[in-house]
Amino acid sequence: MAKNSKPREGSLQFWPRKRARKFLPSSNWKALKGEGLLGFIAYKVGMCSAIVKDNTPDSMTKGKKIVIPVTILEAPEMRVFSIRYYKNGECVGEELNEGIDKELKKKVKLGKNKGKKIEDYDDLRVIVYSQVKKTGIKKTPDIIELGLGGNLDEKKRLVEEIKKKEISIQDVFKNGLVDVRGLTKGKGTAGPIKRFSIGLKQAKSEKGVRRPGSLGGWHPAYVSFRAPMAGQLGMFSRIIYNNKIIGVGKISEKDINPKQGWKHFGKIKTSYIIIKGSVQGPAKRQLLLTKPLRKTKKQEKLNYELIEIK
């Protein structure tokens, strides 16, 4: 007879299972490596199929046209809001950038150290905001801190370049791999069956079918946090590593919009980035694109030439 037991359901890798505090998750910028800006804000448009030519070496479909699933993200231009100065891992001051949006300046609360010129520091980061009102999704911009690649002198030169102009997605990502950080779809309160994928009990079971058999012993009268119970499902911060970039472009140069627009989104009006596979969140969800944290050879050697969006 089969053994009447099975491993526990629900990974404890993601714990606690509660709603994220903010839409754009932060990143460990010290761990990321690369040149220039290490991240960019984008908004999910939706999924579709793409016809590509497979140029991957040693691939079984090399030189042939294949259809792959892709996700399209709209990435409007960003501007620098302020420059942050760090010393021994702590923020010692912040300098506001000139020419920022006046409406944004009124909404953001400025601290005491903002506006002061700092001389003694060992690291630089920038606070950027997306010009999302160009897209028609919403008016309120998203603000986040982004890390910079290179040594201190290279970071200084980069800050001087980008603080006077709009930053486009083509300046940060052209090809290669990208990590996507964002929140999953929010599904509210869910029971233990849907939330942890535990099995249904037998029909006519005592005290319910869609619940665990026991929450623990009587003595001590204590419910472990590992016990599957009802609670929040979705709106969790997740990372999808090593997404292959299929294409980056501007809608003014190559229009990929369908006649009726994208479902639940509308039409793309600014720049866009196309990546292989799916990403978390519903349409219009803000996402943070970053340089890859841990590249894999399998994903890195993929080489696709975009032909058509279906």
C-alpha atoms as a PDB file:
ATOM      1  CA  MET A   1       0.000   0.000   0.000  1.00  0.00           C
ATOM      2  CA  ALA A   2       1.237   3.478  -0.797  1.00  0.00           C
ATOM      3  CA  LYS A   3       2.670   5.586   1.989  1.00  0.00           C
ATOM      4  CA  ASN A   4      -0.009   7.939   3.336  1.00  0.00           C
ATOM      5  CA  SER A   5       2.152  11.075   3.522  1.00  0.00           C
ATOM      6  CA  LYS A   6       3.613  13.728   1.264  1.00  0.00           C
ATOM      7  CA  PRO A   7       5.939  16.740   1.499  1.00  0.00           C
ATOM      8  CA  ARG A   8       4.535  20.045   2.735  1.00  0.00           C
ATOM      9  CA  GLU A   9       3.009  22.448   0.196  1.00  0.00           C
ATOM     10  CA  GLY A  10       4.031  26.077  -0.325  1.00  0.00           C
ATOM     11  CA  SER A  11       7.660  27.145  -0.516  1.00  0.00           C
ATOM     12  CA  LEU A  12       9.064  28.898   2.548  1.00  0.00           C
ATOM     13  CA  GLN A  13      11.534  30.658   0.258  1.00  0.00           C
ATOM     14  CA  PHE A  14       8.926  33.419  -0.169  1.00  0.00           C
ATOM     15  CA  TRP A  15       7.831  34.385   3.320  1.00  0.00           C
ATOM     16  CA  PRO A  16       5.846  36.139   4.727  1.00  0.00           C
ATOM     17  CA  ARG A  17       3.096  35.972   2.096  1.00  0.00           C
ATOM     18  CA  LYS A  18       1.781  39.494   2.433  1.00  0.00           C
ATOM     19  CA  ARG A  19       1.194  42.454   0.135  1.00  0.00           C
ATOM     20  CA  ALA A  20       4.269  44.361  -0.992  1.00  0.00           C
ATOM     21  CA  ARG A  21       4.709  47.845   0.468  1.00  0.00           C
ATOM     22  CA  LYS A  22       5.489  49.502  -2.877  1.00  0.00           C
ATOM     23  CA  PHE A  23       4.981  48.794  -6.559  1.00  0.00           C
ATOM     24  CA  LEU A  24       8.600  49.201  -7.659  1.00  0.00           C
ATOM     25  CA  PRO A  25      10.867  46.874  -5.652  1.00  0.00           C
ATOM     26  CA  SER A  26      14.362  47.978  -4.682  1.00  0.00           C
ATOM     27  CA  SER A  27      17.511  46.232  -5.857  1.00  0.00           C
ATOM     28  CA  ASN A  28      20.964  45.537  -4.462  1.00  0.00           C
ATOM     29  CA  TRP A  29      22.910  47.835  -6.770  1.00  0.00           C
ATOM     30  CA  LYS A  30      26.277  46.788  -5.305  1.00  0.00           C
ATOM     31  CA  ALA A  31      25.752  43.228  -6.555  1.00  0.00           C
ATOM     32  CA  LEU A  32      24.966  44.265 -10.145  1.00  0.00           C
ATOM     33  CA  LYS A  33      27.739  44.826 -12.669  1.00  0.00           C
ATOM     34  CA  GLY A  34      27.675  46.723 -15.936  1.00  0.00           C
ATOM     35  CA  GLU A  35      28.267  50.065 -17.610  1.00  0.00           C
ATOM     36  CA  GLY A  36      26.182  53.206 -17.320  1.00  0.00           C
ATOM     37  CA  LEU A  37      22.768  53.102 -15.643  1.00  0.00           C
ATOM     38  CA  LEU A  38      22.003  49.695 -14.158  1.00  0.00           C
ATOM     39  CA  GLY A  39      18.216  49.903 -14.398  1.00  0.00           C
ATOM     40  CA  PHE A  40      15.171  51.345 -16.158  1.00  0.00           C
ATOM     41  CA  ILE A  41      11.431  51.768 -15.436  1.00  0.00           C
ATOM     42  CA  ALA A  42       9.009  50.117 -17.884  1.00  0.00           C
ATOM     43  CA  TYR A  43       5.285  49.309 -18.070  1.00  0.00           C
ATOM     44  CA  LYS A  44       3.800  46.000 -19.153  1.00  0.00           C
ATOM     45  CA  VAL A  45       1.822  46.121 -22.399  1.00  0.00           C
ATOM     46  CA  GLY A  46       1.012  42.440 -22.868  1.00  0.00           C
ATOM     47  CA  MET A  47       2.037  39.189 -24.536  1.00  0.00           C
ATOM     48  CA  CYS A  48       1.959  38.096 -28.152  1.00  0.00           C
ATOM     49  CA  SER A  49       3.760  35.801 -30.583  1.00  0.00           C
ATOM     50  CA  ALA A  50       6.787  36.864 -32.615  1.00  0.00           C
ATOM     51  CA  ILE A  51       8.226  35.377 -35.790  1.00  0.00           C
ATOM     52  CA  VAL A  52      12.011  35.353 -35.459  1.00  0.00           C
ATOM     53  CA  LYS A  53      14.963  33.899 -37.311  1.00  0.00           C
ATOM     54  CA  ASP A  54      16.968  31.615 -35.042  1.00  0.00           C
ATOM     55  CA  ASN A  55      20.692  32.416 -35.314  1.00  0.00           C
ATOM     56  CA  THR A  56      21.656  30.544 -32.143  1.00  0.00           C
ATOM     57  CA  PRO A  57      24.795  28.447 -32.689  1.00  0.00           C
ATOM     58  CA  ASP A  58      24.286  24.655 -32.421  1.00  0.00           C
ATOM     59  CA  SER A  59      20.509  25.138 -32.375  1.00  0.00           C
ATOM     60  CA  MET A  60      18.290  22.505 -34.043  1.00  0.00           C
ATOM     61  CA  THR A  61      16.369  25.327 -35.760  1.00  0.00           C
ATOM     62  CA  LYS A  62      19.400  27.413 -36.756  1.00  0.00           C
ATOM     63  CA  GLY A  63      18.705  29.527 -39.841  1.00  0.00           C
ATOM     64  CA  LYS A  64      14.965  28.786 -39.710  1.00  0.00           C
ATOM     65  CA  LYS A  65      11.967  30.970 -38.887  1.00  0.00           C
ATOM     66  CA  ILE A  66      10.312  30.042 -35.603  1.00  0.00           C
ATOM     67  CA  VAL A  67       7.472  31.440 -33.473  1.00  0.00           C
ATOM     68  CA  ILE A  68       8.214  32.308 -29.850  1.00  0.00           C
ATOM     69  CA  PRO A  69       6.131  33.913 -27.060  1.00  0.00           C
ATOM     70  CA  VAL A  70       7.221  37.463 -26.195  1.00  0.00           C
ATOM     71  CA  THR A  71       6.222  40.211 -23.759  1.00  0.00           C
ATOM     72  CA  ILE A  72       6.147  43.852 -24.850  1.00  0.00           C
ATOM     73  CA  LEU A  73       6.970  46.618 -22.355  1.00  0.00           C
ATOM     74  CA  GLU A  74       6.579  50.347 -22.945  1.00  0.00           C
ATOM     75  CA  ALA A  75       9.535  52.340 -21.631  1.00  0.00           C
ATOM     76  CA  PRO A  76       8.995  56.140 -21.700  1.00  0.00           C
ATOM     77  CA  GLU A  77      11.995  58.422 -21.248  1.00  0.00           C
ATOM     78  CA  MET A  78      13.240  59.106 -17.719  1.00  0.00           C
ATOM     79  CA  ARG A  79      14.773  62.195 -16.147  1.00  0.00           C
ATOM     80  CA  VAL A  80      17.103  62.605 -13.164  1.00  0.00           C
ATOM     81  CA  PHE A  81      15.326  64.008 -10.091  1.00  0.00           C
ATOM     82  CA  SER A  82      18.345  64.184  -7.765  1.00  0.00           C
ATOM     83  CA  ILE A  83      21.845  62.827  -7.124  1.00  0.00           C
ATOM     84  CA  ARG A  84      22.562  60.923  -3.907  1.00  0.00           C
ATOM     85  CA  TYR A  85      25.993  60.853  -2.257  1.00  0.00           C
ATOM     86  CA  TYR A  86      27.083  57.845  -0.187  1.00  0.00           C
ATOM     87  CA  LYS A  87      29.901  57.398   2.328  1.00  0.00           C
ATOM     88  CA  ASN A  88      30.626  53.943   3.798  1.00  0.00           C
ATOM     89  CA  GLY A  89      27.270  52.673   2.614  1.00  0.00           C
ATOM     90  CA  GLU A  90      25.217  55.514   4.130  1.00  0.00           C
ATOM     91  CA  CYS A  91      23.544  58.413   2.330  1.00  0.00           C
ATOM     92  CA  VAL A  92      25.275  61.639   3.439  1.00  0.00           C
ATOM     93  CA  GLY A  93      23.486  64.091   1.172  1.00  0.00           C
ATOM     94  CA  GLU A  94      21.329  64.664  -1.872  1.00  0.00           C
ATOM     95  CA  GLU A  95      21.465  67.335  -4.551  1.00  0.00           C
ATOM     96  CA  LEU A  96      18.350  68.247  -6.547  1.00  0.00           C
ATOM     97  CA  ASN A  97      18.717  68.345 -10.306  1.00  0.00           C
ATOM     98  CA  GLU A  98      17.896  71.505 -12.232  1.00  0.00           C
ATOM     99  CA  GLY A  99      14.964  71.589 -14.625  1.00  0.00           C
ATOM    100  CA  ILE A 100      12.851  68.870 -12.969  1.00  0.00           C
ATOM    101  CA  ASP A 101       9.061  68.803 -13.264  1.00  0.00           C
ATOM    102  CA  LYS A 102       7.594  71.627 -11.119  1.00  0.00           C
ATOM    103  CA  GLU A 103       4.482  69.594 -10.253  1.00  0.00           C
ATOM    104  CA  LEU A 104       6.681  66.708  -9.092  1.00  0.00           C
ATOM    105  CA  LYS A 105       8.798  69.050  -6.972  1.00  0.00           C
ATOM    106  CA  LYS A 106       5.655  70.158  -5.094  1.00  0.00           C
ATOM    107  CA  LYS A 107       4.513  66.590  -4.381  1.00  0.00           C
ATOM    108  CA  VAL A 108       7.843  65.137  -3.182  1.00  0.00           C
ATOM    109  CA  LYS A 109       8.815  65.963   0.397  1.00  0.00           C
ATOM    110  CA  LEU A 110      12.393  67.201   0.566  1.00  0.00           C
ATOM    111  CA  GLY A 111      14.618  66.424   3.564  1.00  0.00           C
ATOM    112  CA  LYS A 112      17.142  68.664   5.332  1.00  0.00           C
ATOM    113  CA  ASN A 113      20.204  67.356   3.471  1.00  0.00           C
ATOM    114  CA  LYS A 114      18.645  67.849   0.028  1.00  0.00           C
ATOM    115  CA  GLY A 115      20.184  70.680  -1.941  1.00  0.00           C
ATOM    116  CA  LYS A 116      23.486  70.682  -0.048  1.00  0.00           C
ATOM    117  CA  LYS A 117      26.740  70.270  -1.963  1.00  0.00           C
ATOM    118  CA  ILE A 118      28.718  67.280  -0.691  1.00  0.00           C
ATOM    119  CA  GLU A 119      32.492  67.023  -1.051  1.00  0.00           C
ATOM    120  CA  ASP A 120      33.378  63.863   0.900  1.00  0.00           C
ATOM    121  CA  TYR A 121      31.757  60.744  -0.608  1.00  0.00           C
ATOM    122  CA  ASP A 122      32.767  57.402  -2.127  1.00  0.00           C
ATOM    123  CA  ASP A 123      29.679  56.410  -4.164  1.00  0.00           C
ATOM    124  CA  LEU A 124      27.032  58.022  -6.355  1.00  0.00           C
ATOM    125  CA  ARG A 125      23.468  57.029  -7.231  1.00  0.00           C
ATOM    126  CA  VAL A 126      20.636  58.855  -8.966  1.00  0.00           C
ATOM    127  CA  ILE A 127      16.935  59.221  -8.233  1.00  0.00           C
ATOM    128  CA  VAL A 128      15.007  59.083 -11.516  1.00  0.00           C
ATOM    129  CA  TYR A 129      11.347  59.506 -12.463  1.00  0.00           C
ATOM    130  CA  SER A 130       9.515  58.160 -15.498  1.00  0.00           C
ATOM    131  CA  GLN A 131       7.709  60.529 -17.837  1.00  0.00           C
ATOM    132  CA  VAL A 132       4.676  58.266 -17.811  1.00  0.00           C
ATOM    133  CA  LYS A 133       2.247  61.037 -18.779  1.00  0.00           C
ATOM    134  CA  LYS A 134       3.601  60.698 -22.346  1.00  0.00           C
ATOM    135  CA  THR A 135       2.134  57.181 -22.503  1.00  0.00           C
ATOM    136  CA  GLY A 136      -1.452  57.962 -21.476  1.00  0.00           C
ATOM    137  CA  ILE A 137      -1.450  55.251 -18.772  1.00  0.00           C
ATOM    138  CA  LYS A 138      -1.509  57.725 -15.876  1.00  0.00           C
ATOM    139  CA  LYS A 139      -0.151  61.137 -14.850  1.00  0.00           C
ATOM    140  CA  THR A 140       1.760  60.413 -11.643  1.00  0.00           C
ATOM    141  CA  PRO A 141       5.384  59.413 -12.387  1.00  0.00           C
ATOM    142  CA  ASP A 142       7.164  56.534 -10.684  1.00  0.00           C
ATOM    143  CA  ILE A 143      10.316  57.427  -8.742  1.00  0.00           C
ATOM    144  CA  ILE A 144      13.164  55.063  -7.858  1.00  0.00           C
ATOM    145  CA  GLU A 145      16.862  55.059  -6.994  1.00  0.00           C
ATOM    146  CA  LEU A 146      19.161  53.580  -9.640  1.00  0.00           C
ATOM    147  CA  GLY A 147      22.762  52.445  -9.319  1.00  0.00           C
ATOM    148  CA  LEU A 148      25.587  53.349 -11.691  1.00  0.00           C
ATOM    149  CA  GLY A 149      28.314  51.126 -13.118  1.00  0.00           C
ATOM    150  CA  GLY A 150      32.064  51.746 -13.075  1.00  0.00           C
ATOM    151  CA  ASN A 151      34.415  53.506 -10.672  1.00  0.00           C
ATOM    152  CA  LEU A 152      33.743  56.853  -8.974  1.00  0.00           C
ATOM    153  CA  ASP A 153      35.231  58.962 -11.793  1.00  0.00           C
ATOM    154  CA  GLU A 154      33.135  57.145 -14.411  1.00  0.00           C
ATOM    155  CA  LYS A 155      30.028  57.649 -12.277  1.00  0.00           C
ATOM    156  CA  LYS A 156      30.734  61.395 -12.014  1.00  0.00           C
ATOM    157  CA  ARG A 157      31.086  61.694 -15.795  1.00  0.00           C
ATOM    158  CA  LEU A 158      27.895  59.708 -16.352  1.00  0.00           C
ATOM    159  CA  VAL A 159      25.895  61.873 -13.921  1.00  0.00           C
ATOM    160  CA  GLU A 160      27.055  65.040 -15.709  1.00  0.00           C
ATOM    161  CA  GLU A 161      25.873  63.562 -19.026  1.00  0.00           C
ATOM    162  CA  ILE A 162      22.448  62.290 -18.007  1.00  0.00           C
ATOM    163  CA  LYS A 163      21.279  64.994 -15.603  1.00  0.00           C
ATOM    164  CA  LYS A 164      20.739  67.488 -18.452  1.00  0.00           C
ATOM    165  CA  LYS A 165      18.884  65.197 -20.869  1.00  0.00           C
ATOM    166  CA  GLU A 166      16.138  62.600 -21.158  1.00  0.00           C
ATOM    167  CA  ILE A 167      17.289  59.000 -20.720  1.00  0.00           C
ATOM    168  CA  SER A 168      15.867  56.507 -23.230  1.00  0.00           C
ATOM    169  CA  ILE A 169      15.704  52.722 -23.044  1.00  0.00           C
ATOM    170  CA  GLN A 170      18.131  52.486 -25.990  1.00  0.00           C
ATOM    171  CA  ASP A 171      20.815  54.155 -23.841  1.00  0.00           C
ATOM    172  CA  VAL A 172      20.584  51.400 -21.202  1.00  0.00           C
ATOM    173  CA  PHE A 173      19.510  48.178 -22.981  1.00  0.00           C
ATOM    174  CA  LYS A 174      20.272  47.187 -26.559  1.00  0.00           C
ATOM    175  CA  ASN A 175      20.640  43.410 -26.550  1.00  0.00           C
ATOM    176  CA  GLY A 176      21.609  40.586 -24.216  1.00  0.00           C
ATOM    177  CA  LEU A 177      19.826  39.683 -20.982  1.00  0.00           C
ATOM    178  CA  VAL A 178      17.692  41.617 -18.510  1.00  0.00           C
ATOM    179  CA  ASP A 179      16.224  40.893 -15.067  1.00  0.00           C
ATOM    180  CA  VAL A 180      12.625  41.961 -14.416  1.00  0.00           C
ATOM    181  CA  ARG A 181      11.564  43.007 -10.920  1.00  0.00           C
ATOM    182  CA  GLY A 182       7.938  43.723 -10.106  1.00  0.00           C
ATOM    183  CA  LEU A 183       4.736  42.656  -8.382  1.00  0.00           C
ATOM    184  CA  THR A 184       2.518  39.735  -9.349  1.00  0.00           C
ATOM    185  CA  LYS A 185      -1.227  40.057  -9.968  1.00  0.00           C
ATOM    186  CA  GLY A 186      -3.146  40.776  -6.765  1.00  0.00           C
ATOM    187  CA  LYS A 187      -5.869  38.191  -6.014  1.00  0.00           C
ATOM    188  CA  GLY A 188      -6.935  39.280  -2.533  1.00  0.00           C
ATOM    189  CA  THR A 189      -7.729  36.795   0.242  1.00  0.00           C
ATOM    190  CA  ALA A 190      -7.606  33.148  -0.835  1.00  0.00           C
ATOM    191  CA  GLY A 191      -8.122  29.858   0.963  1.00  0.00           C
ATOM    192  CA  PRO A 192      -5.413  27.267   1.704  1.00  0.00           C
ATOM    193  CA  ILE A 193      -6.333  25.091  -1.313  1.00  0.00           C
ATOM    194  CA  LYS A 194      -5.655  27.857  -3.865  1.00  0.00           C
ATOM    195  CA  ARG A 195      -2.931  29.573  -1.829  1.00  0.00           C
ATOM    196  CA  PHE A 196      -0.766  26.522  -1.052  1.00  0.00           C
ATOM    197  CA  SER A 197      -2.097  23.890  -3.494  1.00  0.00           C
ATOM    198  CA  ILE A 198      -2.931  21.380  -0.763  1.00  0.00           C
ATOM    199  CA  GLY A 199      -5.284  18.539  -1.723  1.00  0.00           C
ATOM    200  CA  LEU A 200      -9.014  18.401  -1.062  1.00  0.00           C
ATOM    201  CA  LYS A 201     -10.127  16.147   1.770  1.00  0.00           C
ATOM    202  CA  GLN A 202     -12.630  13.347   1.304  1.00  0.00           C
ATOM    203  CA  ALA A 203     -16.285  14.233   0.785  1.00  0.00           C
ATOM    204  CA  LYS A 204     -18.307  14.515   4.022  1.00  0.00           C
ATOM    205  CA  SER A 205     -15.113  15.167   5.985  1.00  0.00           C
ATOM    206  CA  GLU A 206     -15.616  16.732   9.392  1.00  0.00           C
ATOM    207  CA  LYS A 207     -15.170  20.538   9.648  1.00  0.00           C
ATOM    208  CA  GLY A 208     -14.836  21.132   5.913  1.00  0.00           C
ATOM    209  CA  VAL A 209     -13.249  19.781   2.745  1.00  0.00           C
ATOM    210  CA  ARG A 210     -11.273  22.830   1.557  1.00  0.00           C
ATOM    211  CA  ARG A 211      -9.015  23.157   4.601  1.00  0.00           C
ATOM    212  CA  PRO A 212      -6.082  21.281   6.182  1.00  0.00           C
ATOM    213  CA  GLY A 213      -6.821  18.289   8.386  1.00  0.00           C
ATOM    214  CA  SER A 214      -5.002  19.642  11.429  1.00  0.00           C
ATOM    215  CA  LEU A 215      -3.392  22.937  12.411  1.00  0.00           C
ATOM    216  CA  GLY A 216      -1.247  21.350  15.127  1.00  0.00           C
ATOM    217  CA  GLY A 217      -1.343  19.624  18.488  1.00  0.00           C
ATOM    218  CA  TRP A 218      -3.391  20.542  21.558  1.00  0.00           C
ATOM    219  CA  HIS A 219      -0.372  20.690  23.827  1.00  0.00           C
ATOM    220  CA  PRO A 220       1.289  23.055  23.348  1.00  0.00           C
ATOM    221  CA  ALA A 221      -1.752  24.873  21.934  1.00  0.00           C
ATOM    222  CA  TYR A 222       0.193  26.666  19.217  1.00  0.00           C
ATOM    223  CA  VAL A 223      -0.293  27.060  15.448  1.00  0.00           C
ATOM    224  CA  SER A 224       2.992  26.998  13.517  1.00  0.00           C
ATOM    225  CA  PHE A 225       3.586  29.595  10.813  1.00  0.00           C
ATOM    226  CA  ARG A 226       4.181  26.651   8.451  1.00  0.00           C
ATOM    227  CA  ALA A 227       0.546  25.554   8.680  1.00  0.00           C
ATOM    228  CA  PRO A 228      -1.281  26.350   5.402  1.00  0.00           C
ATOM    229  CA  MET A 229      -4.008  28.894   6.175  1.00  0.00           C
ATOM    230  CA  ALA A 230      -6.135  31.425   4.305  1.00  0.00           C
ATOM    231  CA  GLY A 231      -4.608  34.842   3.587  1.00  0.00           C
ATOM    232  CA  GLN A 232      -3.215  37.214   0.966  1.00  0.00           C
ATOM    233  CA  LEU A 233      -2.491  35.837  -2.503  1.00  0.00           C
ATOM    234  CA  GLY A 234      -0.715  37.924  -5.127  1.00  0.00           C
ATOM    235  CA  MET A 235       0.813  41.424  -5.055  1.00  0.00           C
ATOM    236  CA  PHE A 236       4.100  39.751  -4.118  1.00  0.00           C
ATOM    237  CA  SER A 237       7.502  41.105  -5.163  1.00  0.00           C
ATOM    238  CA  ARG A 238       9.201  38.660  -7.546  1.00  0.00           C
ATOM    239  CA  ILE A 239      12.244  38.612  -9.847  1.00  0.00           C
ATOM    240  CA  ILE A 240      12.479  36.866 -13.217  1.00  0.00           C
ATOM    241  CA  TYR A 241      16.122  36.352 -14.126  1.00  0.00           C
ATOM    242  CA  ASN A 242      17.833  36.305 -17.531  1.00  0.00           C
ATOM    243  CA  ASN A 243      15.092  37.363 -19.938  1.00  0.00           C
ATOM    244  CA  LYS A 244      16.398  37.507 -23.504  1.00  0.00           C
ATOM    245  CA  ILE A 245      15.956  40.875 -25.256  1.00  0.00           C
ATOM    246  CA  ILE A 246      14.431  40.356 -28.713  1.00  0.00           C
ATOM    247  CA  GLY A 247      14.270  43.991 -29.761  1.00  0.00           C
ATOM    248  CA  VAL A 248      14.347  47.612 -28.586  1.00  0.00           C
ATOM    249  CA  GLY A 249      12.924  50.534 -30.532  1.00  0.00           C
ATOM    250  CA  LYS A 250      10.841  53.687 -30.798  1.00  0.00           C
ATOM    251  CA  ILE A 251       7.248  53.658 -31.981  1.00  0.00           C
ATOM    252  CA  SER A 252       8.027  56.624 -34.262  1.00  0.00           C
ATOM    253  CA  GLU A 253      10.639  54.532 -36.120  1.00  0.00           C
ATOM    254  CA  LYS A 254       8.830  51.163 -36.176  1.00  0.00           C
ATOM    255  CA  ASP A 255       5.136  50.985 -35.273  1.00  0.00           C
ATOM    256  CA  ILE A 256       4.261  47.605 -33.704  1.00  0.00           C
ATOM    257  CA  ASN A 257       0.771  48.662 -32.531  1.00  0.00           C
ATOM    258  CA  PRO A 258      -2.226  46.667 -33.807  1.00  0.00           C
ATOM    259  CA  LYS A 259      -5.033  48.746 -35.340  1.00  0.00           C
ATOM    260  CA  GLN A 260      -7.290  48.354 -32.309  1.00  0.00           C
ATOM    261  CA  GLY A 261      -4.462  48.801 -29.780  1.00  0.00           C
ATOM    262  CA  TRP A 262      -3.260  46.323 -27.177  1.00  0.00           C
ATOM    263  CA  LYS A 263      -5.867  44.675 -24.956  1.00  0.00           C
ATOM    264  CA  HIS A 264      -6.285  46.433 -21.557  1.00  0.00           C
ATOM    265  CA  PHE A 265      -3.503  48.855 -22.494  1.00  0.00           C
ATOM    266  CA  GLY A 266      -4.172  50.870 -25.627  1.00  0.00           C
ATOM    267  CA  LYS A 267      -1.468  51.997 -28.029  1.00  0.00           C
ATOM    268  CA  ILE A 268       2.247  52.391 -27.337  1.00  0.00           C
ATOM    269  CA  LYS A 269       3.268  56.048 -27.800  1.00  0.00           C
ATOM    270  CA  THR A 270       6.947  56.125 -26.795  1.00  0.00           C
ATOM    271  CA  SER A 271       9.768  53.538 -26.774  1.00  0.00           C
ATOM    272  CA  TYR A 272       9.353  49.808 -26.209  1.00  0.00           C
ATOM    273  CA  ILE A 273      11.370  46.703 -25.401  1.00  0.00           C
ATOM    274  CA  ILE A 274      10.466  43.150 -26.445  1.00  0.00           C
ATOM    275  CA  ILE A 275      11.659  40.228 -24.307  1.00  0.00           C
ATOM    276  CA  LYS A 276      11.258  36.484 -24.678  1.00  0.00           C
ATOM    277  CA  GLY A 277       8.728  34.725 -22.446  1.00  0.00           C
ATOM    278  CA  SER A 278       6.364  36.101 -19.832  1.00  0.00           C
ATOM    279  CA  VAL A 279       6.776  38.481 -16.917  1.00  0.00           C
ATOM    280  CA  GLN A 280       4.787  39.038 -13.739  1.00  0.00           C
ATOM    281  CA  GLY A 281       1.888  41.428 -13.276  1.00  0.00           C
ATOM    282  CA  PRO A 282      -1.167  42.624 -15.239  1.00  0.00           C
ATOM    283  CA  ALA A 283      -1.184  45.147 -18.084  1.00  0.00           C
ATOM    284  CA  LYS A 284       0.036  48.660 -17.125  1.00  0.00           C
ATOM    285  CA  ARG A 285       2.013  47.269 -14.152  1.00  0.00           C
ATOM    286  CA  GLN A 286       5.228  49.224 -13.530  1.00  0.00           C
ATOM    287  CA  LEU A 287       8.375  47.069 -13.634  1.00  0.00           C
ATOM    288  CA  LEU A 288      12.044  47.619 -12.884  1.00  0.00           C
ATOM    289  CA  LEU A 289      14.417  46.324 -15.554  1.00  0.00           C
ATOM    290  CA  THR A 290      17.989  45.751 -14.346  1.00  0.00           C
ATOM    291  CA  LYS A 291      21.244  44.402 -15.710  1.00  0.00           C
ATOM    292  CA  PRO A 292      21.510  40.597 -15.164  1.00  0.00           C
ATOM    293  CA  LEU A 293      22.625  39.541 -11.698  1.00  0.00           C
ATOM    294  CA  ARG A 294      23.698  35.996 -12.623  1.00  0.00           C
ATOM    295  CA  LYS A 295      23.994  35.264 -16.337  1.00  0.00           C
ATOM    296  CA  THR A 296      23.563  31.727 -17.654  1.00  0.00           C
ATOM    297  CA  LYS A 297      25.377  30.473 -20.764  1.00  0.00           C
ATOM    298  CA  LYS A 298      22.212  28.833 -22.092  1.00  0.00           C
ATOM    299  CA  GLN A 299      20.259  32.104 -22.142  1.00  0.00           C
ATOM    300  CA  GLU A 300      23.193  34.286 -23.145  1.00  0.00           C
ATOM    301  CA  LYS A 301      23.976  32.368 -26.345  1.00  0.00           C
ATOM    302  CA  LEU A 302      20.399  32.712 -27.678  1.00  0.00           C
ATOM    303  CA  ASN A 303      20.370  34.843 -30.816  1.00  0.00           C
ATOM    304  CA  TYR A 304      17.076  35.826 -32.425  1.00  0.00           C
ATOM    305  CA  GLU A 305      16.466  38.210 -35.328  1.00  0.00           C
ATOM    306  CA  LEU A 306      13.009  39.779 -35.086  1.00  0.00           C
ATOM    307  CA  ILE A 307      10.954  39.525 -38.295  1.00  0.00           C
ATOM    308  CA  GLU A 308       7.337  40.185 -37.359  1.00  0.00           C
ATOM    309  CA  ILE A 309       5.005  40.648 -34.369  1.00  0.00           C
ATOM    310  CA  LYS A 310       1.814  38.604 -34.684  1.00  0.00           C
END
